[in-house]
Amino acid sequence: MDPYSTLGVSKTASQDEIKKAYRRMAMEFHPDRNDSAGAEEKFKNASEAYSKIGTEESRRRYEAEMAQGGSFNDFFHDFGAHGHSWEDMFGSFQ
């Protein structure tokens, strides 16, 4: 997931623009305000995107990870997302 496209901002957006985009999406898709199909998922995606680029520090960390071709955490998240467990991965070393 690209946090910039999720929030509808450019990669050159200011922190203020990112914050405004997140707040707009949070207000629009928050489950307490919007019970339409897909709203909760959009809210979760916006929250995840904001956690990656919402502060200067988190944004620097995200950009550094992307410059290195993804993050270590992405590898393990993707591994788990395909139905594998830690036991599957490390069990083969026995």
PDB file of N, CA and C in Angstrom:
ATOM      1  N   MET A   1       0.844  -1.178   0.000  1.00  0.00           N
ATOM      2  CA  MET A   1       0.000   0.000   0.000  1.00  0.00           C
ATOM      3  C   MET A   1       0.887   1.238   0.000  1.00  0.00           C
ATOM      4  N   ASP A   2       0.631   2.126  -0.926  1.00  0.00           N
ATOM      5  CA  ASP A   2       1.328   3.400  -0.980  1.00  0.00           C
ATOM      6  C   ASP A   2       0.547   4.401  -0.124  1.00  0.00           C
ATOM      7  N   PRO A   3       1.137   4.859   0.977  1.00  0.00           N
ATOM      8  CA  PRO A   3       0.398   5.754   1.859  1.00  0.00           C
ATOM      9  C   PRO A   3       0.024   7.083   1.209  1.00  0.00           C
ATOM     10  N   TYR A   4       0.836   7.541   0.265  1.00  0.00           N
ATOM     11  CA  TYR A   4       0.528   8.802  -0.411  1.00  0.00           C
ATOM     12  C   TYR A   4      -0.737   8.679  -1.248  1.00  0.00           C
ATOM     13  N   SER A   5      -0.827   7.620  -2.046  1.00  0.00           N
ATOM     14  CA  SER A   5      -2.024   7.457  -2.877  1.00  0.00           C
ATOM     15  C   SER A   5      -3.246   7.134  -2.018  1.00  0.00           C
ATOM     16  N   THR A   6      -3.037   6.394  -0.939  1.00  0.00           N
ATOM     17  CA  THR A   6      -4.153   6.085  -0.045  1.00  0.00           C
ATOM     18  C   THR A   6      -4.773   7.364   0.510  1.00  0.00           C
ATOM     19  N   LEU A   7      -3.923   8.316   0.883  1.00  0.00           N
ATOM     20  CA  LEU A   7      -4.416   9.578   1.433  1.00  0.00           C
ATOM     21  C   LEU A   7      -4.739  10.606   0.354  1.00  0.00           C
ATOM     22  N   GLY A   8      -4.393  10.300  -0.894  1.00  0.00           N
ATOM     23  CA  GLY A   8      -4.708  11.211  -1.989  1.00  0.00           C
ATOM     24  C   GLY A   8      -3.823  12.441  -2.029  1.00  0.00           C
ATOM     25  N   VAL A   9      -2.556  12.284  -1.629  1.00  0.00           N
ATOM     26  CA  VAL A   9      -1.611  13.398  -1.660  1.00  0.00           C
ATOM     27  C   VAL A   9      -0.396  13.011  -2.487  1.00  0.00           C
ATOM     28  N   SER A  10       0.350  14.021  -2.916  1.00  0.00           N
ATOM     29  CA  SER A  10       1.559  13.747  -3.682  1.00  0.00           C
ATOM     30  C   SER A  10       2.709  13.426  -2.728  1.00  0.00           C
ATOM     31  N   LYS A  11       3.760  12.842  -3.277  1.00  0.00           N
ATOM     32  CA  LYS A  11       4.933  12.519  -2.463  1.00  0.00           C
ATOM     33  C   LYS A  11       5.647  13.773  -1.985  1.00  0.00           C
ATOM     34  N   THR A  12       5.338  14.902  -2.577  1.00  0.00           N
ATOM     35  CA  THR A  12       5.947  16.162  -2.162  1.00  0.00           C
ATOM     36  C   THR A  12       5.036  16.963  -1.234  1.00  0.00           C
ATOM     37  N   ALA A  13       3.939  16.362  -0.812  1.00  0.00           N
ATOM     38  CA  ALA A  13       2.983  17.048   0.062  1.00  0.00           C
ATOM     39  C   ALA A  13       3.648  17.451   1.375  1.00  0.00           C
ATOM     40  N   SER A  14       3.226  18.561   1.909  1.00  0.00           N
ATOM     41  CA  SER A  14       3.733  19.000   3.210  1.00  0.00           C
ATOM     42  C   SER A  14       3.098  18.150   4.304  1.00  0.00           C
ATOM     43  N   GLN A  15       3.682  18.175   5.483  1.00  0.00           N
ATOM     44  CA  GLN A  15       3.109  17.434   6.616  1.00  0.00           C
ATOM     45  C   GLN A  15       1.711  17.953   6.922  1.00  0.00           C
ATOM     46  N   ASP A  16       1.501  19.246   6.741  1.00  0.00           N
ATOM     47  CA  ASP A  16       0.181  19.823   6.979  1.00  0.00           C
ATOM     48  C   ASP A  16      -0.840  19.279   5.981  1.00  0.00           C
ATOM     49  N   GLU A  17      -0.450  19.145   4.713  1.00  0.00           N
ATOM     50  CA  GLU A  17      -1.351  18.588   3.695  1.00  0.00           C
ATOM     51  C   GLU A  17      -1.677  17.131   3.998  1.00  0.00           C
ATOM     52  N   ILE A  18      -0.688  16.383   4.459  1.00  0.00           N
ATOM     53  CA  ILE A  18      -0.909  14.980   4.820  1.00  0.00           C
ATOM     54  C   ILE A  18      -1.889  14.889   5.987  1.00  0.00           C
ATOM     55  N   LYS A  19      -1.681  15.721   6.978  1.00  0.00           N
ATOM     56  CA  LYS A  19      -2.557  15.726   8.154  1.00  0.00           C
ATOM     57  C   LYS A  19      -3.998  16.079   7.769  1.00  0.00           C
ATOM     58  N   LYS A  20      -4.159  17.078   6.931  1.00  0.00           N
ATOM     59  CA  LYS A  20      -5.497  17.483   6.497  1.00  0.00           C
ATOM     60  C   LYS A  20      -6.184  16.372   5.703  1.00  0.00           C
ATOM     61  N   ALA A  21      -5.420  15.707   4.838  1.00  0.00           N
ATOM     62  CA  ALA A  21      -5.994  14.617   4.042  1.00  0.00           C
ATOM     63  C   ALA A  21      -6.442  13.474   4.939  1.00  0.00           C
ATOM     64  N   TYR A  22      -5.604  13.142   5.936  1.00  0.00           N
ATOM     65  CA  TYR A  22      -5.980  12.073   6.859  1.00  0.00           C
ATOM     66  C   TYR A  22      -7.225  12.447   7.650  1.00  0.00           C
ATOM     67  N   ARG A  23      -7.260  13.644   8.175  1.00  0.00           N
ATOM     68  CA  ARG A  23      -8.428  14.066   8.971  1.00  0.00           C
ATOM     69  C   ARG A  23      -9.705  14.039   8.140  1.00  0.00           C
ATOM     70  N   ARG A  24      -9.603  14.482   6.883  1.00  0.00           N
ATOM     71  CA  ARG A  24     -10.769  14.468   5.999  1.00  0.00           C
ATOM     72  C   ARG A  24     -11.268  13.037   5.805  1.00  0.00           C
ATOM     73  N   MET A  25     -10.335  12.115   5.530  1.00  0.00           N
ATOM     74  CA  MET A  25     -10.724  10.717   5.317  1.00  0.00           C
ATOM     75  C   MET A  25     -11.242  10.086   6.604  1.00  0.00           C
ATOM     76  N   ALA A  26     -10.608  10.408   7.730  1.00  0.00           N
ATOM     77  CA  ALA A  26     -11.042   9.848   9.006  1.00  0.00           C
ATOM     78  C   ALA A  26     -12.469  10.289   9.330  1.00  0.00           C
ATOM     79  N   MET A  27     -12.759  11.555   9.075  1.00  0.00           N
ATOM     80  CA  MET A  27     -14.115  12.051   9.336  1.00  0.00           C
ATOM     81  C   MET A  27     -15.126  11.406   8.387  1.00  0.00           C
ATOM     82  N   GLU A  28     -14.731  11.218   7.143  1.00  0.00           N
ATOM     83  CA  GLU A  28     -15.642  10.661   6.147  1.00  0.00           C
ATOM     84  C   GLU A  28     -15.911   9.176   6.355  1.00  0.00           C
ATOM     85  N   PHE A  29     -14.869   8.410   6.727  1.00  0.00           N
ATOM     86  CA  PHE A  29     -15.000   6.961   6.750  1.00  0.00           C
ATOM     87  C   PHE A  29     -15.015   6.333   8.142  1.00  0.00           C
ATOM     88  N   HIS A  30     -14.982   7.137   9.193  1.00  0.00           N
ATOM     89  CA  HIS A  30     -14.995   6.569  10.546  1.00  0.00           C
ATOM     90  C   HIS A  30     -16.260   5.730  10.724  1.00  0.00           C
ATOM     91  N   PRO A  31     -16.116   4.533  11.285  1.00  0.00           N
ATOM     92  CA  PRO A  31     -17.281   3.635  11.440  1.00  0.00           C
ATOM     93  C   PRO A  31     -18.431   4.237  12.245  1.00  0.00           C
ATOM     94  N   ASP A  32     -18.145   5.157  13.142  1.00  0.00           N
ATOM     95  CA  ASP A  32     -19.218   5.793  13.906  1.00  0.00           C
ATOM     96  C   ASP A  32     -20.014   6.791  13.071  1.00  0.00           C
ATOM     97  N   ARG A  33     -19.449   7.217  11.958  1.00  0.00           N
ATOM     98  CA  ARG A  33     -20.105   8.229  11.128  1.00  0.00           C
ATOM     99  C   ARG A  33     -20.576   7.669   9.793  1.00  0.00           C
ATOM    100  N   ASN A  34     -20.005   6.546   9.371  1.00  0.00           N
ATOM    101  CA  ASN A  34     -20.299   6.017   8.037  1.00  0.00           C
ATOM    102  C   ASN A  34     -20.432   4.499   8.131  1.00  0.00           C
ATOM    103  N   ASP A  35     -21.627   4.007   7.915  1.00  0.00           N
ATOM    104  CA  ASP A  35     -21.841   2.557   8.011  1.00  0.00           C
ATOM    105  C   ASP A  35     -21.978   1.894   6.635  1.00  0.00           C
ATOM    106  N   SER A  36     -21.556   2.610   5.593  1.00  0.00           N
ATOM    107  CA  SER A  36     -21.637   2.016   4.257  1.00  0.00           C
ATOM    108  C   SER A  36     -20.573   0.944   4.081  1.00  0.00           C
ATOM    109  N   ALA A  37     -20.825   0.062   3.144  1.00  0.00           N
ATOM    110  CA  ALA A  37     -19.888  -1.030   2.871  1.00  0.00           C
ATOM    111  C   ALA A  37     -18.532  -0.456   2.449  1.00  0.00           C
ATOM    112  N   GLY A  38     -17.493  -0.942   3.054  1.00  0.00           N
ATOM    113  CA  GLY A  38     -16.149  -0.511   2.698  1.00  0.00           C
ATOM    114  C   GLY A  38     -15.620   0.676   3.465  1.00  0.00           C
ATOM    115  N   ALA A  39     -16.473   1.373   4.192  1.00  0.00           N
ATOM    116  CA  ALA A  39     -16.029   2.568   4.909  1.00  0.00           C
ATOM    117  C   ALA A  39     -15.016   2.224   5.998  1.00  0.00           C
ATOM    118  N   GLU A  40     -15.269   1.171   6.745  1.00  0.00           N
ATOM    119  CA  GLU A  40     -14.356   0.797   7.821  1.00  0.00           C
ATOM    120  C   GLU A  40     -12.976   0.428   7.266  1.00  0.00           C
ATOM    121  N   GLU A  41     -12.952  -0.276   6.150  1.00  0.00           N
ATOM    122  CA  GLU A  41     -11.685  -0.655   5.525  1.00  0.00           C
ATOM    123  C   GLU A  41     -10.923   0.579   5.050  1.00  0.00           C
ATOM    124  N   LYS A  42     -11.634   1.545   4.476  1.00  0.00           N
ATOM    125  CA  LYS A  42     -10.986   2.787   4.035  1.00  0.00           C
ATOM    126  C   LYS A  42     -10.446   3.557   5.232  1.00  0.00           C
ATOM    127  N   PHE A  43     -11.181   3.541   6.332  1.00  0.00           N
ATOM    128  CA  PHE A  43     -10.722   4.197   7.553  1.00  0.00           C
ATOM    129  C   PHE A  43      -9.439   3.538   8.063  1.00  0.00           C
ATOM    130  N   LYS A  44      -9.422   2.215   8.075  1.00  0.00           N
ATOM    131  CA  LYS A  44      -8.233   1.487   8.525  1.00  0.00           C
ATOM    132  C   LYS A  44      -7.048   1.757   7.613  1.00  0.00           C
ATOM    133  N   ASN A  45      -7.277   1.768   6.314  1.00  0.00           N
ATOM    134  CA  ASN A  45      -6.198   2.040   5.367  1.00  0.00           C
ATOM    135  C   ASN A  45      -5.646   3.450   5.546  1.00  0.00           C
ATOM    136  N   ALA A  46      -6.535   4.410   5.754  1.00  0.00           N
ATOM    137  CA  ALA A  46      -6.094   5.792   5.973  1.00  0.00           C
ATOM    138  C   ALA A  46      -5.271   5.892   7.250  1.00  0.00           C
ATOM    139  N   SER A  47      -5.705   5.210   8.293  1.00  0.00           N
ATOM    140  CA  SER A  47      -4.976   5.227   9.563  1.00  0.00           C
ATOM    141  C   SER A  47      -3.603   4.592   9.420  1.00  0.00           C
ATOM    142  N   GLU A  48      -3.531   3.492   8.687  1.00  0.00           N
ATOM    143  CA  GLU A  48      -2.245   2.832   8.460  1.00  0.00           C
ATOM    144  C   GLU A  48      -1.316   3.727   7.636  1.00  0.00           C
ATOM    145  N   ALA A  49      -1.871   4.359   6.609  1.00  0.00           N
ATOM    146  CA  ALA A  49      -1.078   5.262   5.778  1.00  0.00           C
ATOM    147  C   ALA A  49      -0.544   6.423   6.612  1.00  0.00           C
ATOM    148  N   TYR A  50      -1.400   6.980   7.446  1.00  0.00           N
ATOM    149  CA  TYR A  50      -0.981   8.111   8.274  1.00  0.00           C
ATOM    150  C   TYR A  50       0.099   7.693   9.268  1.00  0.00           C
ATOM    151  N   SER A  51       0.023   6.467   9.760  1.00  0.00           N
ATOM    152  CA  SER A  51       1.048   6.006  10.702  1.00  0.00           C
ATOM    153  C   SER A  51       2.414   5.912  10.020  1.00  0.00           C
ATOM    154  N   LYS A  52       2.421   5.739   8.700  1.00  0.00           N
ATOM    155  CA  LYS A  52       3.680   5.623   7.957  1.00  0.00           C
ATOM    156  C   LYS A  52       4.273   6.973   7.585  1.00  0.00           C
ATOM    157  N   ILE A  53       3.424   7.978   7.327  1.00  0.00           N
ATOM    158  CA  ILE A  53       3.956   9.259   6.847  1.00  0.00           C
ATOM    159  C   ILE A  53       3.405  10.467   7.599  1.00  0.00           C
ATOM    160  N   GLY A  54       2.705  10.241   8.682  1.00  0.00           N
ATOM    161  CA  GLY A  54       2.034  11.326   9.394  1.00  0.00           C
ATOM    162  C   GLY A  54       2.935  12.266  10.170  1.00  0.00           C
ATOM    163  N   THR A  55       4.127  11.812  10.521  1.00  0.00           N
ATOM    164  CA  THR A  55       5.086  12.691  11.192  1.00  0.00           C
ATOM    165  C   THR A  55       6.355  12.733  10.352  1.00  0.00           C
ATOM    166  N   GLU A  56       7.140  13.753  10.560  1.00  0.00           N
ATOM    167  CA  GLU A  56       8.391  13.852   9.795  1.00  0.00           C
ATOM    168  C   GLU A  56       9.276  12.639  10.055  1.00  0.00           C
ATOM    169  N   GLU A  57       9.338  12.200  11.304  1.00  0.00           N
ATOM    170  CA  GLU A  57      10.176  11.046  11.645  1.00  0.00           C
ATOM    171  C   GLU A  57       9.682   9.766  10.981  1.00  0.00           C
ATOM    172  N   SER A  58       8.379   9.496  11.079  1.00  0.00           N
ATOM    173  CA  SER A  58       7.855   8.269  10.473  1.00  0.00           C
ATOM    174  C   SER A  58       7.968   8.325   8.952  1.00  0.00           C
ATOM    175  N   ARG A  59       7.827   9.504   8.396  1.00  0.00           N
ATOM    176  CA  ARG A  59       7.947   9.665   6.950  1.00  0.00           C
ATOM    177  C   ARG A  59       9.388   9.409   6.499  1.00  0.00           C
ATOM    178  N   ARG A  60      10.364   9.933   7.232  1.00  0.00           N
ATOM    179  CA  ARG A  60      11.771   9.673   6.905  1.00  0.00           C
ATOM    180  C   ARG A  60      12.077   8.181   6.967  1.00  0.00           C
ATOM    181  N   ARG A  61      11.558   7.528   8.007  1.00  0.00           N
ATOM    182  CA  ARG A  61      11.775   6.092   8.167  1.00  0.00           C
ATOM    183  C   ARG A  61      11.134   5.329   6.997  1.00  0.00           C
ATOM    184  N   TYR A  62       9.917   5.688   6.647  1.00  0.00           N
ATOM    185  CA  TYR A  62       9.227   5.041   5.527  1.00  0.00           C
ATOM    186  C   TYR A  62      10.001   5.243   4.225  1.00  0.00           C
ATOM    187  N   GLU A  63      10.419   6.470   3.963  1.00  0.00           N
ATOM    188  CA  GLU A  63      11.152   6.763   2.726  1.00  0.00           C
ATOM    189  C   GLU A  63      12.473   6.000   2.680  1.00  0.00           C
ATOM    190  N   ALA A  64      13.157   5.893   3.822  1.00  0.00           N
ATOM    191  CA  ALA A  64      14.414   5.142   3.865  1.00  0.00           C
ATOM    192  C   ALA A  64      14.166   3.666   3.580  1.00  0.00           C
ATOM    193  N   GLU A  65      13.104   3.103   4.138  1.00  0.00           N
ATOM    194  CA  GLU A  65      12.757   1.701   3.885  1.00  0.00           C
ATOM    195  C   GLU A  65      12.433   1.482   2.417  1.00  0.00           C
ATOM    196  N   MET A  66      11.705   2.407   1.818  1.00  0.00           N
ATOM    197  CA  MET A  66      11.337   2.252   0.410  1.00  0.00           C
ATOM    198  C   MET A  66      12.568   2.392  -0.483  1.00  0.00           C
ATOM    199  N   ALA A  67      13.500   3.236  -0.088  1.00  0.00           N
ATOM    200  CA  ALA A  67      14.730   3.390  -0.873  1.00  0.00           C
ATOM    201  C   ALA A  67      15.555   2.108  -0.852  1.00  0.00           C
ATOM    202  N   GLN A  68      15.374   1.304   0.194  1.00  0.00           N
ATOM    203  CA  GLN A  68      16.090   0.038   0.324  1.00  0.00           C
ATOM    204  C   GLN A  68      15.283  -1.125  -0.263  1.00  0.00           C
ATOM    205  N   GLY A  69      14.157  -0.824  -0.864  1.00  0.00           N
ATOM    206  CA  GLY A  69      13.358  -1.861  -1.513  1.00  0.00           C
ATOM    207  C   GLY A  69      12.364  -2.526  -0.608  1.00  0.00           C
ATOM    208  N   GLY A  70      11.848  -1.835   0.363  1.00  0.00           N
ATOM    209  CA  GLY A  70      10.879  -2.411   1.286  1.00  0.00           C
ATOM    210  C   GLY A  70      11.491  -2.613   2.647  1.00  0.00           C
ATOM    211  N   SER A  71      10.684  -2.991   3.573  1.00  0.00           N
ATOM    212  CA  SER A  71      11.172  -3.143   4.936  1.00  0.00           C
ATOM    213  C   SER A  71      11.204  -4.601   5.371  1.00  0.00           C
ATOM    214  N   PHE A  72      11.978  -4.849   6.367  1.00  0.00           N
ATOM    215  CA  PHE A  72      12.057  -6.156   7.000  1.00  0.00           C
ATOM    216  C   PHE A  72      10.680  -6.580   7.491  1.00  0.00           C
ATOM    217  N   ASN A  73       9.951  -5.637   8.072  1.00  0.00           N
ATOM    218  CA  ASN A  73       8.609  -5.951   8.574  1.00  0.00           C
ATOM    219  C   ASN A  73       7.664  -6.329   7.449  1.00  0.00           C
ATOM    220  N   ASP A  74       7.803  -5.688   6.289  1.00  0.00           N
ATOM    221  CA  ASP A  74       6.952  -6.039   5.148  1.00  0.00           C
ATOM    222  C   ASP A  74       7.164  -7.493   4.745  1.00  0.00           C
ATOM    223  N   PHE A  75       8.422  -7.945   4.775  1.00  0.00           N
ATOM    224  CA  PHE A  75       8.718  -9.333   4.426  1.00  0.00           C
ATOM    225  C   PHE A  75       7.953 -10.277   5.337  1.00  0.00           C
ATOM    226  N   PHE A  76       8.034 -10.056   6.639  1.00  0.00           N
ATOM    227  CA  PHE A  76       7.374 -10.964   7.565  1.00  0.00           C
ATOM    228  C   PHE A  76       5.866 -10.800   7.543  1.00  0.00           C
ATOM    229  N   HIS A  77       5.374  -9.591   7.297  1.00  0.00           N
ATOM    230  CA  HIS A  77       3.931  -9.392   7.168  1.00  0.00           C
ATOM    231  C   HIS A  77       3.420 -10.162   5.960  1.00  0.00           C
ATOM    232  N   ASP A  78       4.123 -10.028   4.829  1.00  0.00           N
ATOM    233  CA  ASP A  78       3.717 -10.734   3.615  1.00  0.00           C
ATOM    234  C   ASP A  78       3.805 -12.242   3.798  1.00  0.00           C
ATOM    235  N   PHE A  79       4.818 -12.715   4.498  1.00  0.00           N
ATOM    236  CA  PHE A  79       4.969 -14.131   4.759  1.00  0.00           C
ATOM    237  C   PHE A  79       3.746 -14.651   5.500  1.00  0.00           C
ATOM    238  N   GLY A  80       3.346 -13.955   6.553  1.00  0.00           N
ATOM    239  CA  GLY A  80       2.183 -14.353   7.339  1.00  0.00           C
ATOM    240  C   GLY A  80       0.883 -14.218   6.574  1.00  0.00           C
ATOM    241  N   ALA A  81       0.833 -13.274   5.659  1.00  0.00           N
ATOM    242  CA  ALA A  81      -0.391 -13.043   4.901  1.00  0.00           C
ATOM    243  C   ALA A  81      -0.691 -14.182   3.933  1.00  0.00           C
ATOM    244  N   HIS A  82       0.280 -14.988   3.638  1.00  0.00           N
ATOM    245  CA  HIS A  82       0.068 -16.080   2.698  1.00  0.00           C
ATOM    246  C   HIS A  82      -0.215 -17.400   3.400  1.00  0.00           C
ATOM    247  N   GLY A  83      -0.647 -17.332   4.652  1.00  0.00           N
ATOM    248  CA  GLY A  83      -1.062 -18.530   5.361  1.00  0.00           C
ATOM    249  C   GLY A  83       0.061 -19.288   6.038  1.00  0.00           C
ATOM    250  N   HIS A  84       1.240 -18.727   6.044  1.00  0.00           N
ATOM    251  CA  HIS A  84       2.358 -19.378   6.695  1.00  0.00           C
ATOM    252  C   HIS A  84       2.464 -18.896   8.131  1.00  0.00           C
ATOM    253  N   SER A  85       3.030 -19.705   8.956  1.00  0.00           N
ATOM    254  CA  SER A  85       3.243 -19.323  10.344  1.00  0.00           C
ATOM    255  C   SER A  85       4.729 -19.351  10.636  1.00  0.00           C
ATOM    256  N   TRP A  86       5.089 -18.835  11.802  1.00  0.00           N
ATOM    257  CA  TRP A  86       6.490 -18.888  12.230  1.00  0.00           C
ATOM    258  C   TRP A  86       6.951 -20.340  12.309  1.00  0.00           C
ATOM    259  N   GLU A  87       6.054 -21.226  12.747  1.00  0.00           N
ATOM    260  CA  GLU A  87       6.409 -22.633  12.842  1.00  0.00           C
ATOM    261  C   GLU A  87       6.723 -23.209  11.461  1.00  0.00           C
ATOM    262  N   ASP A  88       5.941 -22.786  10.454  1.00  0.00           N
ATOM    263  CA  ASP A  88       6.205 -23.241   9.089  1.00  0.00           C
ATOM    264  C   ASP A  88       7.597 -22.814   8.640  1.00  0.00           C
ATOM    265  N   MET A  89       7.925 -21.573   8.939  1.00  0.00           N
ATOM    266  CA  MET A  89       9.178 -21.032   8.484  1.00  0.00           C
ATOM    267  C   MET A  89      10.369 -21.654   9.195  1.00  0.00           C
ATOM    268  N   PHE A  90      10.309 -21.728  10.516  1.00  0.00           N
ATOM    269  CA  PHE A  90      11.447 -22.213  11.278  1.00  0.00           C
ATOM    270  C   PHE A  90      11.422 -23.709  11.508  1.00  0.00           C
ATOM    271  N   GLY A  91      10.275 -24.337  11.306  1.00  0.00           N
ATOM    272  CA  GLY A  91      10.180 -25.779  11.486  1.00  0.00           C
ATOM    273  C   GLY A  91      11.021 -26.556  10.493  1.00  0.00           C
ATOM    274  N   SER A  92      11.259 -25.957   9.343  1.00  0.00           N
ATOM    275  CA  SER A  92      12.050 -26.657   8.331  1.00  0.00           C
ATOM    276  C   SER A  92      13.532 -26.727   8.685  1.00  0.00           C
ATOM    277  N   PHE A  93      13.953 -26.021   9.727  1.00  0.00           N
ATOM    278  CA  PHE A  93      15.368 -26.026  10.129  1.00  0.00           C
ATOM    279  C   PHE A  93      15.697 -27.159  11.087  1.00  0.00           C
ATOM    280  N   GLN A  94      14.721 -27.959  11.464  1.00  0.00           N
ATOM    281  CA  GLN A  94      14.965 -29.031  12.425  1.00  0.00           C
ATOM    282  C   GLN A  94      15.659 -30.210  11.815  1.00  0.00           C
TER     283      GLN A  94
END
